[in-house]
N, C-alpha and C. Protein backbone atom coordinates (compact mmCIF):
# COMPACT_ATOMS: atom_id res chain seq x y z
N MET A 1 -15.83 -29.43 180.38
CA MET A 1 -14.94 -29.10 179.30
C MET A 1 -15.67 -29.11 177.93
N ALA A 2 -15.25 -28.31 177.07
CA ALA A 2 -15.83 -28.31 175.72
C ALA A 2 -15.44 -29.51 174.93
N LYS A 3 -16.27 -29.88 173.98
CA LYS A 3 -15.94 -30.98 173.17
C LYS A 3 -14.69 -30.69 172.29
N GLU A 4 -13.93 -31.74 172.06
CA GLU A 4 -12.68 -31.53 171.27
C GLU A 4 -13.01 -30.99 169.89
N SER A 5 -14.19 -31.36 169.29
CA SER A 5 -14.50 -30.91 167.99
C SER A 5 -14.76 -29.43 167.96
N MET A 6 -15.30 -28.90 169.05
CA MET A 6 -15.54 -27.46 169.14
C MET A 6 -14.26 -26.68 169.19
N LYS A 7 -13.31 -27.22 170.04
CA LYS A 7 -11.97 -26.55 170.06
C LYS A 7 -11.27 -26.57 168.73
N ALA A 8 -11.33 -27.74 168.06
CA ALA A 8 -10.73 -27.88 166.74
C ALA A 8 -11.33 -26.96 165.72
N ARG A 9 -12.64 -26.78 165.77
CA ARG A 9 -13.29 -25.92 164.88
C ARG A 9 -12.85 -24.46 165.02
N GLU A 10 -12.69 -24.06 166.26
CA GLU A 10 -12.15 -22.67 166.54
C GLU A 10 -10.77 -22.48 165.99
N VAL A 11 -9.94 -23.48 166.18
CA VAL A 11 -8.58 -23.43 165.62
C VAL A 11 -8.54 -23.35 164.17
N LYS A 12 -9.43 -24.12 163.54
CA LYS A 12 -9.53 -24.15 162.07
C LYS A 12 -9.95 -22.71 161.56
N ARG A 13 -10.93 -22.13 162.24
CA ARG A 13 -11.45 -20.80 161.87
C ARG A 13 -10.35 -19.82 162.01
N ALA A 14 -9.58 -19.81 163.08
CA ALA A 14 -8.48 -18.88 163.32
C ALA A 14 -7.44 -18.98 162.14
N ARG A 15 -7.13 -20.20 161.76
CA ARG A 15 -6.19 -20.41 160.67
C ARG A 15 -6.70 -19.80 159.38
N MET A 16 -7.99 -20.01 159.18
CA MET A 16 -8.64 -19.49 157.91
C MET A 16 -8.66 -17.97 157.93
N VAL A 17 -8.95 -17.38 159.06
CA VAL A 17 -8.96 -15.90 159.13
C VAL A 17 -7.62 -15.37 158.77
N ALA A 18 -6.54 -16.04 159.33
CA ALA A 18 -5.20 -15.53 159.04
C ALA A 18 -4.84 -15.71 157.56
N LYS A 19 -5.30 -16.81 157.00
CA LYS A 19 -4.99 -17.13 155.58
C LYS A 19 -5.60 -16.07 154.64
N TYR A 20 -6.82 -15.70 154.87
CA TYR A 20 -7.53 -14.82 153.95
C TYR A 20 -7.48 -13.29 154.40
N ALA A 21 -6.75 -13.00 155.42
CA ALA A 21 -6.74 -11.62 155.93
C ALA A 21 -6.27 -10.58 154.91
N GLU A 22 -5.19 -10.93 154.21
CA GLU A 22 -4.64 -10.01 153.22
C GLU A 22 -5.60 -9.77 152.07
N LYS A 23 -6.20 -10.83 151.52
CA LYS A 23 -7.17 -10.71 150.44
C LYS A 23 -8.39 -9.98 150.90
N ARG A 24 -8.81 -10.19 152.13
CA ARG A 24 -10.05 -9.47 152.67
C ARG A 24 -9.79 -7.99 152.73
N THR A 25 -8.62 -7.52 153.23
CA THR A 25 -8.36 -6.09 153.30
C THR A 25 -8.21 -5.50 151.95
N GLN A 26 -7.61 -6.23 151.04
CA GLN A 26 -7.44 -5.76 149.69
C GLN A 26 -8.77 -5.53 148.99
N TYR A 27 -9.66 -6.50 149.09
CA TYR A 27 -11.01 -6.36 148.48
C TYR A 27 -11.80 -5.22 149.15
N LEU A 28 -11.71 -5.07 150.43
CA LEU A 28 -12.39 -4.04 151.12
C LEU A 28 -11.88 -2.61 150.69
N ALA A 29 -10.54 -2.56 150.54
CA ALA A 29 -9.94 -1.27 150.17
C ALA A 29 -10.39 -0.89 148.73
N GLU A 30 -10.50 -1.93 147.84
CA GLU A 30 -10.92 -1.68 146.44
C GLU A 30 -12.41 -1.41 146.36
N GLY A 31 -13.13 -1.89 147.35
CA GLY A 31 -14.58 -1.77 147.31
C GLY A 31 -15.15 -2.92 146.44
N ASN A 32 -14.41 -3.98 146.24
CA ASN A 32 -14.83 -5.05 145.41
C ASN A 32 -15.64 -6.09 146.24
N TYR A 33 -16.89 -5.82 146.36
CA TYR A 33 -17.70 -6.67 147.30
C TYR A 33 -18.12 -7.95 146.59
N ASP A 34 -18.14 -8.06 145.30
CA ASP A 34 -18.41 -9.29 144.63
C ASP A 34 -17.29 -10.32 144.89
N ALA A 35 -16.07 -9.85 144.86
CA ALA A 35 -14.93 -10.75 145.14
C ALA A 35 -14.93 -11.14 146.61
N LEU A 36 -15.37 -10.24 147.43
CA LEU A 36 -15.42 -10.53 148.87
C LEU A 36 -16.37 -11.63 149.19
N GLN A 37 -17.43 -11.78 148.36
CA GLN A 37 -18.42 -12.84 148.57
C GLN A 37 -17.80 -14.21 148.30
N SER A 38 -16.71 -14.22 147.48
CA SER A 38 -16.13 -15.54 147.17
C SER A 38 -15.28 -16.11 148.23
N ILE A 39 -14.88 -15.28 149.26
CA ILE A 39 -14.13 -15.78 150.37
C ILE A 39 -15.02 -16.59 151.27
N PRO A 40 -14.51 -17.67 151.84
CA PRO A 40 -15.37 -18.53 152.70
C PRO A 40 -15.91 -17.73 153.92
N LYS A 41 -17.07 -18.12 154.39
CA LYS A 41 -17.69 -17.43 155.56
C LYS A 41 -16.83 -17.51 156.78
N ASN A 42 -16.19 -18.60 157.01
CA ASN A 42 -15.39 -18.79 158.25
C ASN A 42 -14.06 -18.01 158.22
N ALA A 43 -13.83 -17.30 157.04
CA ALA A 43 -12.59 -16.46 156.99
C ALA A 43 -12.86 -15.08 157.58
N SER A 44 -14.11 -14.82 157.97
CA SER A 44 -14.46 -13.56 158.59
C SER A 44 -14.01 -13.53 160.03
N PRO A 45 -13.29 -12.50 160.50
CA PRO A 45 -12.85 -12.46 161.93
C PRO A 45 -14.00 -12.32 162.93
N VAL A 46 -15.12 -11.90 162.45
CA VAL A 46 -16.28 -11.82 163.37
C VAL A 46 -16.73 -13.18 163.86
N ARG A 47 -16.51 -14.19 163.10
CA ARG A 47 -16.92 -15.54 163.44
C ARG A 47 -16.10 -16.23 164.46
N LEU A 48 -14.93 -15.64 164.85
CA LEU A 48 -14.05 -16.13 165.87
C LEU A 48 -14.76 -15.99 167.22
N HIS A 49 -14.55 -16.93 168.13
CA HIS A 49 -15.09 -16.81 169.47
C HIS A 49 -13.95 -17.13 170.53
N ASN A 50 -13.79 -16.29 171.49
CA ASN A 50 -12.80 -16.53 172.51
C ASN A 50 -13.22 -17.70 173.35
N ARG A 51 -12.19 -18.61 173.58
CA ARG A 51 -12.38 -19.73 174.39
C ARG A 51 -11.29 -19.90 175.42
N CYS A 52 -11.57 -20.46 176.53
CA CYS A 52 -10.64 -20.72 177.61
C CYS A 52 -9.47 -21.61 177.04
N GLY A 53 -8.26 -21.26 177.35
CA GLY A 53 -7.11 -22.00 176.86
C GLY A 53 -6.97 -23.41 177.47
N VAL A 54 -7.58 -23.57 178.69
CA VAL A 54 -7.45 -24.83 179.37
C VAL A 54 -8.64 -25.82 179.09
N THR A 55 -9.83 -25.25 179.28
CA THR A 55 -11.03 -26.05 179.15
C THR A 55 -11.78 -25.90 177.80
N GLY A 56 -11.59 -24.79 177.16
CA GLY A 56 -12.35 -24.54 175.90
C GLY A 56 -13.68 -23.91 176.19
N ARG A 57 -13.95 -23.48 177.48
CA ARG A 57 -15.24 -22.92 177.79
C ARG A 57 -15.42 -21.57 177.06
N PRO A 58 -16.58 -21.38 176.36
CA PRO A 58 -16.77 -20.14 175.59
C PRO A 58 -17.29 -18.95 176.36
N LYS A 59 -17.91 -19.19 177.52
CA LYS A 59 -18.46 -18.05 178.32
C LYS A 59 -17.59 -17.75 179.51
N GLY A 60 -17.70 -16.55 179.98
CA GLY A 60 -16.95 -16.13 181.10
C GLY A 60 -15.42 -16.07 180.85
N PHE A 61 -15.08 -15.64 179.68
CA PHE A 61 -13.68 -15.58 179.22
C PHE A 61 -13.05 -14.28 179.69
N MET A 62 -11.88 -14.37 180.18
CA MET A 62 -11.11 -13.18 180.66
C MET A 62 -10.00 -12.97 179.64
N ARG A 63 -10.10 -11.96 178.79
CA ARG A 63 -9.25 -11.74 177.73
C ARG A 63 -7.76 -11.48 178.12
N GLN A 64 -7.56 -10.84 179.23
CA GLN A 64 -6.23 -10.54 179.71
C GLN A 64 -5.39 -11.78 180.00
N PHE A 65 -6.14 -12.83 180.48
CA PHE A 65 -5.44 -14.03 180.91
C PHE A 65 -5.65 -15.22 179.95
N GLY A 66 -6.64 -15.15 179.06
CA GLY A 66 -6.90 -16.20 178.16
C GLY A 66 -7.59 -17.42 178.79
N LEU A 67 -8.25 -17.11 179.95
CA LEU A 67 -8.87 -18.22 180.74
C LEU A 67 -10.31 -17.90 181.02
N SER A 68 -11.06 -18.93 181.37
CA SER A 68 -12.44 -18.69 181.78
C SER A 68 -12.35 -18.24 183.27
N ARG A 69 -13.46 -17.66 183.77
CA ARG A 69 -13.51 -17.18 185.13
C ARG A 69 -13.19 -18.29 186.14
N ILE A 70 -13.68 -19.53 185.83
CA ILE A 70 -13.55 -20.62 186.75
C ILE A 70 -12.06 -21.05 186.83
N GLN A 71 -11.49 -21.22 185.69
CA GLN A 71 -10.02 -21.66 185.64
C GLN A 71 -9.16 -20.58 186.25
N PHE A 72 -9.46 -19.33 186.00
CA PHE A 72 -8.73 -18.20 186.52
C PHE A 72 -8.77 -18.23 188.06
N ARG A 73 -9.94 -18.49 188.62
CA ARG A 73 -10.01 -18.50 190.12
C ARG A 73 -9.24 -19.71 190.68
N GLU A 74 -9.33 -20.83 190.01
CA GLU A 74 -8.68 -22.03 190.56
C GLU A 74 -7.11 -21.79 190.50
N MET A 75 -6.66 -21.30 189.37
CA MET A 75 -5.20 -21.08 189.08
C MET A 75 -4.64 -20.02 190.02
N ALA A 76 -5.48 -18.96 190.23
CA ALA A 76 -4.99 -17.89 191.07
C ALA A 76 -4.94 -18.32 192.52
N SER A 77 -5.85 -19.16 192.97
CA SER A 77 -5.86 -19.67 194.32
C SER A 77 -4.62 -20.59 194.60
N GLN A 78 -4.18 -21.28 193.51
CA GLN A 78 -3.03 -22.15 193.63
C GLN A 78 -1.71 -21.43 193.46
N GLY A 79 -1.79 -20.16 193.12
CA GLY A 79 -0.61 -19.29 192.86
C GLY A 79 0.00 -19.59 191.55
N LEU A 80 -0.71 -20.01 190.55
CA LEU A 80 -0.17 -20.39 189.29
C LEU A 80 -0.12 -19.19 188.28
N ILE A 81 -0.78 -18.11 188.65
CA ILE A 81 -0.78 -16.91 187.76
C ILE A 81 0.04 -15.84 188.47
N PRO A 82 1.21 -15.50 187.82
CA PRO A 82 2.05 -14.51 188.46
C PRO A 82 1.48 -13.12 188.62
N GLY A 83 1.65 -12.54 189.74
CA GLY A 83 1.19 -11.23 190.05
C GLY A 83 -0.28 -11.13 190.45
N VAL A 84 -0.88 -12.23 190.64
CA VAL A 84 -2.32 -12.28 191.06
C VAL A 84 -2.39 -12.90 192.42
N LYS A 85 -3.10 -12.16 193.35
CA LYS A 85 -3.29 -12.79 194.70
C LYS A 85 -4.65 -12.42 195.15
N LYS A 86 -5.18 -13.18 196.05
CA LYS A 86 -6.55 -12.94 196.54
C LYS A 86 -6.55 -11.68 197.40
N ALA A 87 -7.59 -10.83 197.17
CA ALA A 87 -7.70 -9.61 197.86
C ALA A 87 -8.20 -9.86 199.31
N SER A 88 -7.66 -9.11 200.25
CA SER A 88 -8.17 -9.12 201.59
C SER A 88 -7.93 -7.78 202.22
N TRP A 89 -9.00 -7.20 202.80
CA TRP A 89 -8.83 -5.89 203.45
C TRP A 89 -9.80 -5.84 204.66
């Protein structure tokens, strides 16, 4: 599992992106790049990183389910994800 500090940092970044989103689009529309520099770095949506909702794992993330590949496989095997079943042919 990811460290709690890493999960908290991602949550903090997401809140900051939402907070400054309107200002950011306004400055970009105006072409005011000097004002854009005054916005914090972590307010940029590019700095967000997808993480597993259960473990916080940053790699192997499945966007459709919000889980890492490992958690997806475990939960699907247990029948916890609706509409997903193991393929057999």
